[in-house]
Each structure stands twice: as structure tokens, then as C-alpha cells.
N, C-alpha and C. Protein backbone atom coordinates (compact mmCIF):
# COMPACT_ATOMS: atom_id res chain seq x y z
N UNK A 1 0.84 -1.17 0.00
CA UNK A 1 0.00 0.00 0.00
C UNK A 1 0.89 1.24 0.00
N UNK A 2 0.57 2.21 -0.83
CA UNK A 2 1.37 3.43 -0.88
C UNK A 2 1.03 4.32 0.30
N UNK A 3 1.91 5.29 0.56
CA UNK A 3 1.65 6.19 1.68
C UNK A 3 0.41 7.03 1.41
N UNK A 4 0.14 7.37 0.13
CA UNK A 4 -1.06 8.14 -0.20
C UNK A 4 -2.31 7.33 0.11
N UNK A 5 -2.33 6.04 -0.28
CA UNK A 5 -3.52 5.22 -0.02
C UNK A 5 -3.67 4.97 1.48
N UNK A 6 -2.55 4.88 2.22
CA UNK A 6 -2.65 4.75 3.68
C UNK A 6 -3.28 6.00 4.29
N UNK A 7 -2.90 7.17 3.80
CA UNK A 7 -3.49 8.41 4.30
C UNK A 7 -4.97 8.47 3.99
N UNK A 8 -5.34 8.07 2.75
CA UNK A 8 -6.75 8.08 2.38
C UNK A 8 -7.54 7.12 3.26
N UNK A 9 -6.99 5.93 3.49
CA UNK A 9 -7.66 4.95 4.33
C UNK A 9 -7.81 5.48 5.75
N UNK A 10 -6.76 6.10 6.28
CA UNK A 10 -6.82 6.67 7.62
C UNK A 10 -7.85 7.79 7.68
N UNK A 11 -7.91 8.58 6.62
CA UNK A 11 -8.87 9.68 6.57
C UNK A 11 -10.30 9.14 6.56
N UNK A 12 -10.54 8.13 5.80
CA UNK A 12 -11.87 7.52 5.74
C UNK A 12 -12.21 6.91 7.09
N UNK A 13 -11.27 6.18 7.66
CA UNK A 13 -11.50 5.57 8.97
C UNK A 13 -11.74 6.65 10.02
N UNK A 14 -11.00 7.74 9.92
CA UNK A 14 -11.17 8.85 10.86
C UNK A 14 -12.55 9.49 10.73
N UNK A 15 -13.01 9.66 9.50
CA UNK A 15 -14.34 10.23 9.29
C UNK A 15 -15.41 9.33 9.91
N UNK A 16 -15.26 8.05 9.68
CA UNK A 16 -16.25 7.10 10.19
C UNK A 16 -16.20 7.04 11.72
N UNK A 17 -15.00 7.03 12.26
CA UNK A 17 -14.85 6.96 13.72
C UNK A 17 -15.44 8.20 14.40
N UNK A 18 -15.42 9.34 13.73
CA UNK A 18 -15.92 10.58 14.32
C UNK A 18 -17.45 10.68 14.28
N UNK A 19 -18.09 9.92 13.42
CA UNK A 19 -19.54 10.05 13.25
C UNK A 19 -20.35 9.90 14.55
N UNK A 20 -20.12 8.89 15.37
CA UNK A 20 -20.95 8.74 16.58
C UNK A 20 -20.87 9.91 17.55
N UNK A 21 -19.77 10.68 17.49
CA UNK A 21 -19.59 11.80 18.42
C UNK A 21 -20.11 13.12 17.89
N UNK A 22 -20.54 13.15 16.62
CA UNK A 22 -21.03 14.40 16.03
C UNK A 22 -22.41 14.75 16.57
N UNK A 23 -22.68 16.04 16.77
CA UNK A 23 -24.03 16.45 17.15
C UNK A 23 -25.01 16.15 16.00
N UNK A 24 -26.29 16.04 16.35
CA UNK A 24 -27.31 15.68 15.36
C UNK A 24 -27.31 16.65 14.16
N UNK A 25 -27.18 17.94 14.42
CA UNK A 25 -27.24 18.90 13.30
C UNK A 25 -26.08 18.69 12.32
N UNK A 26 -24.91 18.28 12.80
CA UNK A 26 -23.79 18.00 11.90
C UNK A 26 -24.01 16.69 11.13
N UNK A 27 -24.61 15.69 11.80
CA UNK A 27 -24.94 14.45 11.10
C UNK A 27 -25.95 14.74 9.98
N UNK A 28 -26.93 15.55 10.30
CA UNK A 28 -27.96 15.91 9.32
C UNK A 28 -27.33 16.65 8.13
N UNK A 29 -26.42 17.57 8.42
CA UNK A 29 -25.73 18.32 7.36
C UNK A 29 -24.90 17.37 6.49
N UNK A 30 -24.21 16.45 7.13
CA UNK A 30 -23.41 15.48 6.39
C UNK A 30 -24.30 14.60 5.52
N UNK A 31 -25.46 14.20 6.06
CA UNK A 31 -26.42 13.39 5.30
C UNK A 31 -26.87 14.14 4.05
N UNK A 32 -27.23 15.39 4.21
CA UNK A 32 -27.69 16.20 3.07
C UNK A 32 -26.59 16.32 2.03
N UNK A 33 -25.33 16.49 2.47
CA UNK A 33 -24.21 16.59 1.53
C UNK A 33 -24.03 15.28 0.75
N UNK A 34 -24.23 14.15 1.39
CA UNK A 34 -24.01 12.86 0.73
C UNK A 34 -25.23 12.33 -0.03
N UNK A 35 -26.43 12.64 0.45
CA UNK A 35 -27.64 12.07 -0.15
C UNK A 35 -28.52 13.10 -0.86
N UNK A 36 -28.26 14.39 -0.64
CA UNK A 36 -29.01 15.42 -1.34
C UNK A 36 -30.33 15.82 -0.71
N UNK A 37 -30.68 15.23 0.39
CA UNK A 37 -31.91 15.57 1.10
C UNK A 37 -31.74 15.17 2.56
N UNK A 38 -32.55 15.73 3.46
CA UNK A 38 -32.41 15.37 4.87
C UNK A 38 -32.81 13.92 5.11
N UNK A 39 -32.29 13.32 6.19
CA UNK A 39 -32.67 11.93 6.47
C UNK A 39 -34.17 11.85 6.75
N UNK A 40 -34.79 10.81 6.28
CA UNK A 40 -36.23 10.65 6.48
C UNK A 40 -36.56 10.01 7.81
N UNK A 41 -35.58 9.91 8.68
CA UNK A 41 -35.76 9.24 9.97
C UNK A 41 -34.88 9.96 11.01
N UNK A 42 -35.33 9.96 12.25
CA UNK A 42 -34.56 10.60 13.31
C UNK A 42 -33.86 9.59 14.21
N UNK A 43 -33.56 8.43 13.68
CA UNK A 43 -32.87 7.38 14.43
C UNK A 43 -31.37 7.58 14.26
N UNK A 44 -30.71 8.05 15.30
CA UNK A 44 -29.29 8.40 15.26
C UNK A 44 -28.41 7.21 14.85
N UNK A 45 -28.64 6.04 15.46
CA UNK A 45 -27.81 4.87 15.12
C UNK A 45 -27.92 4.53 13.64
N UNK A 46 -29.13 4.59 13.10
CA UNK A 46 -29.31 4.29 11.68
C UNK A 46 -28.57 5.31 10.82
N UNK A 47 -28.70 6.57 11.14
CA UNK A 47 -28.06 7.63 10.35
C UNK A 47 -26.54 7.48 10.38
N UNK A 48 -25.98 7.20 11.54
CA UNK A 48 -24.53 7.02 11.67
C UNK A 48 -24.08 5.83 10.82
N UNK A 49 -24.79 4.70 10.94
CA UNK A 49 -24.40 3.51 10.18
C UNK A 49 -24.53 3.75 8.67
N UNK A 50 -25.59 4.41 8.26
CA UNK A 50 -25.80 4.65 6.82
C UNK A 50 -24.77 5.65 6.28
N UNK A 51 -24.41 6.66 7.06
CA UNK A 51 -23.36 7.60 6.65
C UNK A 51 -22.02 6.88 6.52
N UNK A 52 -21.71 6.02 7.48
CA UNK A 52 -20.44 5.27 7.43
C UNK A 52 -20.41 4.41 6.16
N UNK A 53 -21.51 3.78 5.87
CA UNK A 53 -21.58 2.95 4.66
C UNK A 53 -21.37 3.80 3.41
N UNK A 54 -22.01 4.95 3.36
CA UNK A 54 -21.91 5.81 2.17
C UNK A 54 -20.50 6.37 1.99
N UNK A 55 -19.83 6.71 3.08
CA UNK A 55 -18.45 7.21 3.00
C UNK A 55 -17.55 6.13 2.41
N UNK A 56 -17.71 4.89 2.89
CA UNK A 56 -16.92 3.79 2.34
C UNK A 56 -17.27 3.52 0.88
N UNK A 57 -18.54 3.58 0.57
CA UNK A 57 -19.00 3.36 -0.80
C UNK A 57 -18.39 4.38 -1.76
N UNK A 58 -18.40 5.65 -1.36
CA UNK A 58 -17.83 6.70 -2.21
C UNK A 58 -16.32 6.52 -2.38
N UNK A 59 -15.63 6.13 -1.32
CA UNK A 59 -14.19 5.89 -1.42
C UNK A 59 -13.91 4.72 -2.35
N UNK A 60 -14.70 3.68 -2.26
CA UNK A 60 -14.52 2.52 -3.12
C UNK A 60 -14.80 2.88 -4.57
N UNK A 61 -15.82 3.70 -4.77
CA UNK A 61 -16.18 4.13 -6.12
C UNK A 61 -15.00 4.88 -6.76
N UNK A 62 -14.28 5.66 -6.00
CA UNK A 62 -13.13 6.39 -6.53
C UNK A 62 -11.95 5.47 -6.82
N UNK A 63 -11.75 4.47 -5.98
CA UNK A 63 -10.59 3.61 -6.15
C UNK A 63 -10.83 2.45 -7.13
N UNK A 64 -12.08 2.14 -7.44
CA UNK A 64 -12.40 1.02 -8.34
C UNK A 64 -13.47 1.42 -9.36
N UNK A 65 -13.21 2.42 -10.18
CA UNK A 65 -14.25 2.89 -11.10
C UNK A 65 -14.68 1.84 -12.11
N UNK A 66 -13.78 1.00 -12.57
CA UNK A 66 -14.15 -0.02 -13.55
C UNK A 66 -15.17 -1.00 -13.01
N UNK A 67 -15.00 -1.41 -11.75
CA UNK A 67 -15.93 -2.35 -11.14
C UNK A 67 -17.30 -1.72 -10.97
N UNK A 68 -17.32 -0.48 -10.54
CA UNK A 68 -18.59 0.22 -10.35
C UNK A 68 -19.30 0.37 -11.70
N UNK A 69 -18.55 0.75 -12.75
CA UNK A 69 -19.14 0.88 -14.08
C UNK A 69 -19.70 -0.45 -14.56
N UNK A 70 -18.95 -1.52 -14.34
CA UNK A 70 -19.41 -2.85 -14.75
C UNK A 70 -20.68 -3.24 -14.01
N UNK A 71 -20.71 -2.99 -12.71
CA UNK A 71 -21.92 -3.30 -11.94
C UNK A 71 -23.10 -2.47 -12.40
N UNK A 72 -22.89 -1.20 -12.69
CA UNK A 72 -23.98 -0.34 -13.18
C UNK A 72 -24.52 -0.85 -14.51
N UNK A 73 -23.62 -1.27 -15.38
CA UNK A 73 -24.03 -1.82 -16.68
C UNK A 73 -24.86 -3.08 -16.47
N UNK A 74 -24.41 -3.94 -15.59
CA UNK A 74 -25.14 -5.19 -15.34
C UNK A 74 -26.50 -4.94 -14.70
N UNK A 75 -26.60 -3.97 -13.81
CA UNK A 75 -27.89 -3.64 -13.20
C UNK A 75 -28.85 -3.12 -14.26
N UNK A 76 -28.35 -2.24 -15.14
CA UNK A 76 -29.19 -1.73 -16.23
C UNK A 76 -29.68 -2.86 -17.11
N UNK A 77 -28.78 -3.79 -17.43
CA UNK A 77 -29.15 -4.94 -18.27
C UNK A 77 -30.22 -5.77 -17.57
N UNK A 78 -30.09 -5.97 -16.28
CA UNK A 78 -31.07 -6.74 -15.52
C UNK A 78 -32.43 -6.05 -15.56
N UNK A 79 -32.45 -4.75 -15.36
CA UNK A 79 -33.72 -4.02 -15.36
C UNK A 79 -34.38 -4.03 -16.74
N UNK A 80 -33.58 -3.97 -17.80
CA UNK A 80 -34.12 -3.94 -19.16
C UNK A 80 -34.59 -5.31 -19.62
N UNK A 81 -33.82 -6.35 -19.35
CA UNK A 81 -34.10 -7.66 -19.93
C UNK A 81 -34.56 -8.70 -18.92
N UNK A 82 -34.35 -8.46 -17.65
CA UNK A 82 -34.68 -9.45 -16.64
C UNK A 82 -33.62 -10.53 -16.50
N UNK A 83 -32.52 -10.39 -17.25
CA UNK A 83 -31.43 -11.37 -17.21
C UNK A 83 -30.10 -10.63 -17.12
N UNK A 84 -29.13 -11.30 -16.56
CA UNK A 84 -27.78 -10.75 -16.48
C UNK A 84 -26.82 -11.75 -17.09
N UNK A 85 -25.94 -11.27 -17.95
CA UNK A 85 -24.93 -12.17 -18.51
C UNK A 85 -23.89 -12.47 -17.44
N UNK A 86 -23.27 -13.61 -17.56
CA UNK A 86 -22.23 -13.98 -16.61
C UNK A 86 -21.03 -13.05 -16.75
N UNK A 87 -20.36 -12.84 -15.64
CA UNK A 87 -19.12 -12.06 -15.69
C UNK A 87 -18.09 -12.82 -16.48
N UNK A 88 -17.25 -12.10 -17.21
CA UNK A 88 -16.22 -12.81 -17.96
C UNK A 88 -15.25 -13.50 -17.00
N UNK A 89 -14.91 -14.71 -17.35
CA UNK A 89 -13.97 -15.49 -16.55
C UNK A 89 -12.57 -15.01 -16.90
N UNK A 90 -11.66 -15.16 -15.96
CA UNK A 90 -10.28 -14.78 -16.25
C UNK A 90 -9.85 -15.39 -17.57
N UNK A 91 -8.97 -14.70 -18.25
CA UNK A 91 -8.53 -15.18 -19.55
C UNK A 91 -7.96 -16.59 -19.45
N UNK A 92 -8.43 -17.43 -20.36
CA UNK A 92 -7.94 -18.81 -20.40
C UNK A 92 -6.55 -18.82 -21.01
N UNK A 93 -5.82 -19.88 -20.80
CA UNK A 93 -4.50 -20.00 -21.44
C UNK A 93 -4.67 -19.94 -22.96
N UNK A 94 -3.60 -19.59 -23.63
CA UNK A 94 -3.63 -19.46 -25.08
C UNK A 94 -3.98 -20.79 -25.75
N UNK A 95 -4.64 -20.66 -26.88
CA UNK A 95 -5.01 -21.81 -27.68
C UNK A 95 -3.79 -22.68 -27.96
N UNK A 96 -3.90 -23.97 -27.73
CA UNK A 96 -2.80 -24.89 -27.98
C UNK A 96 -1.90 -25.12 -26.78
N UNK A 97 -2.09 -24.36 -25.72
CA UNK A 97 -1.28 -24.55 -24.51
C UNK A 97 -1.54 -25.94 -23.94
N UNK A 98 -0.48 -26.58 -23.49
CA UNK A 98 -0.62 -27.89 -22.84
C UNK A 98 -0.39 -27.70 -21.35
N UNK A 99 -1.42 -27.98 -20.57
CA UNK A 99 -1.33 -27.89 -19.12
C UNK A 99 -0.96 -29.27 -18.59
N UNK A 100 0.02 -29.30 -17.71
CA UNK A 100 0.51 -30.57 -17.19
C UNK A 100 0.39 -30.58 -15.68
N UNK A 101 -0.06 -31.72 -15.14
CA UNK A 101 -0.18 -31.86 -13.70
C UNK A 101 0.15 -33.30 -13.34
N UNK A 102 0.98 -33.48 -12.32
CA UNK A 102 1.27 -34.81 -11.80
C UNK A 102 0.31 -35.02 -10.64
N UNK A 103 -0.45 -36.10 -10.72
CA UNK A 103 -1.41 -36.42 -9.67
C UNK A 103 -1.38 -37.93 -9.43
N UNK A 104 -1.17 -38.31 -8.19
CA UNK A 104 -1.07 -39.73 -7.80
C UNK A 104 -0.05 -40.49 -8.65
N UNK A 105 1.06 -39.83 -8.92
CA UNK A 105 2.15 -40.47 -9.65
C UNK A 105 1.98 -40.56 -11.15
N UNK A 106 0.90 -39.99 -11.69
CA UNK A 106 0.66 -40.01 -13.13
C UNK A 106 0.73 -38.59 -13.69
N UNK A 107 1.26 -38.46 -14.90
CA UNK A 107 1.31 -37.17 -15.57
C UNK A 107 0.03 -37.02 -16.38
N UNK A 108 -0.66 -35.92 -16.16
CA UNK A 108 -1.91 -35.63 -16.88
C UNK A 108 -1.69 -34.39 -17.73
N UNK A 109 -2.03 -34.49 -19.02
CA UNK A 109 -1.84 -33.38 -19.95
C UNK A 109 -3.19 -32.97 -20.52
N UNK A 110 -3.44 -31.66 -20.52
CA UNK A 110 -4.68 -31.10 -21.06
C UNK A 110 -4.29 -30.06 -22.10
N UNK A 111 -4.94 -30.12 -23.26
CA UNK A 111 -4.68 -29.17 -24.34
C UNK A 111 -5.82 -28.16 -24.38
N UNK A 112 -5.48 -26.87 -24.45
CA UNK A 112 -6.47 -25.81 -24.55
C UNK A 112 -6.92 -25.72 -26.00
N UNK A 113 -8.24 -25.85 -26.22
CA UNK A 113 -8.82 -25.80 -27.57
C UNK A 113 -9.57 -24.49 -27.77
N UNK A 114 -10.01 -24.26 -28.98
CA UNK A 114 -10.80 -23.06 -29.30
C UNK A 114 -12.17 -23.15 -28.62
N UNK A 115 -12.78 -22.02 -28.40
CA UNK A 115 -14.13 -21.97 -27.85
C UNK A 115 -14.21 -22.30 -26.38
N UNK A 116 -13.11 -22.16 -25.65
CA UNK A 116 -13.12 -22.44 -24.21
C UNK A 116 -13.19 -23.91 -23.88
N UNK A 117 -12.83 -24.77 -24.82
CA UNK A 117 -12.84 -26.20 -24.58
C UNK A 117 -11.45 -26.71 -24.22
N UNK A 118 -11.41 -27.89 -23.59
CA UNK A 118 -10.16 -28.50 -23.18
C UNK A 118 -10.20 -29.97 -23.57
N UNK A 119 -9.07 -30.50 -24.04
CA UNK A 119 -8.99 -31.90 -24.42
C UNK A 119 -8.12 -32.65 -23.43
N UNK A 120 -8.67 -33.77 -22.95
CA UNK A 120 -7.94 -34.63 -22.02
C UNK A 120 -8.22 -36.07 -22.42
N UNK A 121 -7.19 -36.80 -22.71
CA UNK A 121 -7.27 -38.20 -23.11
C UNK A 121 -8.29 -38.42 -24.24
N UNK A 122 -8.25 -37.55 -25.25
CA UNK A 122 -9.11 -37.69 -26.41
C UNK A 122 -10.53 -37.21 -26.23
N UNK A 123 -10.89 -36.76 -25.04
CA UNK A 123 -12.24 -36.26 -24.78
C UNK A 123 -12.19 -34.75 -24.64
N UNK A 124 -13.29 -34.07 -25.04
CA UNK A 124 -13.38 -32.64 -24.88
C UNK A 124 -14.22 -32.32 -23.64
N UNK A 125 -13.75 -31.31 -22.89
CA UNK A 125 -14.44 -30.86 -21.69
C UNK A 125 -14.69 -29.37 -21.80
N UNK A 126 -15.80 -28.92 -21.22
CA UNK A 126 -16.15 -27.51 -21.31
C UNK A 126 -15.47 -26.65 -20.24
N UNK A 127 -14.81 -27.27 -19.27
CA UNK A 127 -14.11 -26.49 -18.25
C UNK A 127 -12.96 -27.31 -17.66
N UNK A 128 -12.01 -26.57 -17.12
CA UNK A 128 -10.89 -27.24 -16.45
C UNK A 128 -11.36 -27.96 -15.19
N UNK A 129 -12.41 -27.45 -14.57
CA UNK A 129 -12.92 -28.10 -13.37
C UNK A 129 -13.47 -29.48 -13.69
N UNK A 130 -14.07 -29.62 -14.85
CA UNK A 130 -14.58 -30.93 -15.25
C UNK A 130 -13.42 -31.90 -15.53
N UNK A 131 -12.34 -31.38 -16.08
CA UNK A 131 -11.16 -32.21 -16.30
C UNK A 131 -10.58 -32.64 -14.95
N UNK A 132 -10.46 -31.69 -14.03
CA UNK A 132 -9.92 -32.00 -12.71
C UNK A 132 -10.78 -33.05 -12.01
N UNK A 133 -12.08 -32.96 -12.18
CA UNK A 133 -12.97 -33.95 -11.57
C UNK A 133 -12.77 -35.33 -12.21
N UNK A 134 -12.57 -35.34 -13.52
CA UNK A 134 -12.31 -36.60 -14.24
C UNK A 134 -11.04 -37.26 -13.71
N UNK A 135 -10.03 -36.44 -13.44
CA UNK A 135 -8.75 -36.97 -12.98
C UNK A 135 -8.82 -37.45 -11.54
N UNK A 136 -9.43 -36.64 -10.67
CA UNK A 136 -9.39 -36.92 -9.23
C UNK A 136 -10.59 -37.69 -8.71
N UNK A 137 -11.72 -37.58 -9.42
CA UNK A 137 -12.94 -38.20 -8.93
C UNK A 137 -13.67 -37.36 -7.90
N UNK A 138 -13.15 -36.17 -7.61
CA UNK A 138 -13.80 -35.25 -6.67
C UNK A 138 -13.87 -33.87 -7.30
N UNK A 139 -14.68 -33.01 -6.69
CA UNK A 139 -14.81 -31.65 -7.21
C UNK A 139 -13.55 -30.84 -6.89
N UNK A 140 -13.09 -30.16 -7.92
CA UNK A 140 -11.90 -29.31 -7.79
C UNK A 140 -12.12 -28.04 -8.58
N UNK A 141 -11.49 -26.99 -8.19
CA UNK A 141 -11.38 -25.82 -9.05
C UNK A 141 -10.32 -26.16 -10.09
N UNK A 142 -10.71 -26.17 -11.36
CA UNK A 142 -9.76 -26.51 -12.41
C UNK A 142 -8.55 -25.60 -12.43
N UNK A 143 -8.75 -24.25 -12.39
CA UNK A 143 -7.58 -23.36 -12.39
C UNK A 143 -6.66 -23.62 -11.20
N UNK A 144 -7.22 -23.95 -10.04
CA UNK A 144 -6.38 -24.25 -8.88
C UNK A 144 -5.65 -25.57 -9.08
N UNK A 145 -6.34 -26.58 -9.57
CA UNK A 145 -5.75 -27.89 -9.77
C UNK A 145 -4.57 -27.82 -10.74
N UNK A 146 -4.70 -27.02 -11.80
CA UNK A 146 -3.64 -26.93 -12.80
C UNK A 146 -2.67 -25.78 -12.53
N UNK A 147 -2.78 -25.13 -11.37
CA UNK A 147 -1.81 -24.10 -10.98
C UNK A 147 -1.95 -22.79 -11.73
N UNK A 148 -3.16 -22.47 -12.20
CA UNK A 148 -3.35 -21.22 -12.94
C UNK A 148 -3.74 -20.06 -12.05
N UNK A 149 -4.10 -20.34 -10.82
CA UNK A 149 -4.45 -19.26 -9.89
C UNK A 149 -3.19 -18.61 -9.36
N UNK A 150 -3.29 -17.31 -9.13
CA UNK A 150 -2.21 -16.57 -8.48
C UNK A 150 -2.08 -17.10 -7.06
N UNK A 151 -0.87 -17.39 -6.61
CA UNK A 151 -0.66 -17.96 -5.28
C UNK A 151 -1.24 -17.07 -4.19
N UNK A 152 -1.16 -15.74 -4.35
CA UNK A 152 -1.64 -14.83 -3.32
C UNK A 152 -3.15 -14.88 -3.19
N UNK A 153 -3.85 -15.32 -4.25
CA UNK A 153 -5.30 -15.32 -4.18
C UNK A 153 -5.85 -16.60 -3.56
N UNK A 154 -5.02 -17.59 -3.34
CA UNK A 154 -5.49 -18.82 -2.72
C UNK A 154 -5.79 -18.58 -1.25
N UNK A 155 -6.86 -19.19 -0.76
CA UNK A 155 -7.23 -19.02 0.64
C UNK A 155 -6.14 -19.57 1.53
N UNK A 156 -5.84 -18.78 2.58
CA UNK A 156 -4.91 -19.27 3.58
C UNK A 156 -3.45 -19.00 3.28
N UNK A 157 -3.09 -18.65 2.05
CA UNK A 157 -1.68 -18.41 1.73
C UNK A 157 -1.23 -17.15 2.45
N UNK A 158 -0.15 -17.24 3.15
CA UNK A 158 0.39 -16.06 3.84
C UNK A 158 -0.27 -15.82 5.19
N UNK A 159 -1.20 -16.68 5.59
CA UNK A 159 -1.87 -16.50 6.87
C UNK A 159 -1.45 -17.61 7.82
N UNK A 160 -0.18 -17.63 8.17
CA UNK A 160 0.35 -18.70 9.02
C UNK A 160 0.24 -18.36 10.49
N UNK A 161 -0.91 -17.90 10.93
CA UNK A 161 -1.09 -17.54 12.33
C UNK A 161 -1.56 -18.69 13.14
């Protein structure tokens, strides 16, 4: 984390930490600044919690504009059509790539085909997870089984407490 992002995080945390101690008129003013109208309720705990949520939401919106835009597009699509397309999956390995994994003393090779298909022992599979299940007999995340996941994104890595 950069020193600038640490300052921003501290500033956001500081704003949120200060909310419970603010007088009602300042909470109301802050609400109007963030929501454009006075709160429709006089419940202090609710207003503090909702302001804290909105402050974090606005900070996240600034730091992750692509995700917010993508979510807005998907919400619009849902409202218009009643359906949402699936999020794009991480890019698959290049066409023709051979993925190799040693499991139970055997070498298993999978070839990446066009159209998101995979070939294993002469059969085509629609996902790496299905190939991993064929090999192991149990459910597996295909990208994890074949080592395509970033090590830092695996659960528990680096958490040796």
C-alpha cells in the first residue's frame, strides 16, 4: 500500500470513527451533503451507520471505477431484460497450450482448444474443473488444480497464524 492510499484509508477511517460523536445537526448536514436531502428518519444509530456505509461506498467508487461501471451496466441490463450475462472469466490459457499436472504419480496433460474447450485423453471438456474432476474423482477448481491461480489469491496463503 502506498503512503497516499494509507493516508486516504486513515482519513476515511477517521471520518467514520468521528460520526458517533457528532451532534445531530452536523450528522444531518453530512447526510444532506451525501444524499441530497435530509434523512427521512430521526434514528441516530441508523443515520450514523448509513453515513459510514456511504463514506466507504464513495471511497470505493473512486478507487475502483471499472468495477462500479461494470456493476452499473449489469444492473441496467437486468432491469431492461430481466437477465444478467455472466461475468467474464479470467482469460484462459492461449489456444494450444498444454497444461501438465502430476497427480497420484501419473502425468496428466490437457490441451487448450478453441471456444473455451479442453482436451484430455481424447475427450473434450467444457471447463478445467470438469477435467480435474475426471482426474481426481472429486470436485476441484480446475484453475487451482492446474496451478493457474495466483498464489496470493489462494485461501490461507500467507496466513500462518
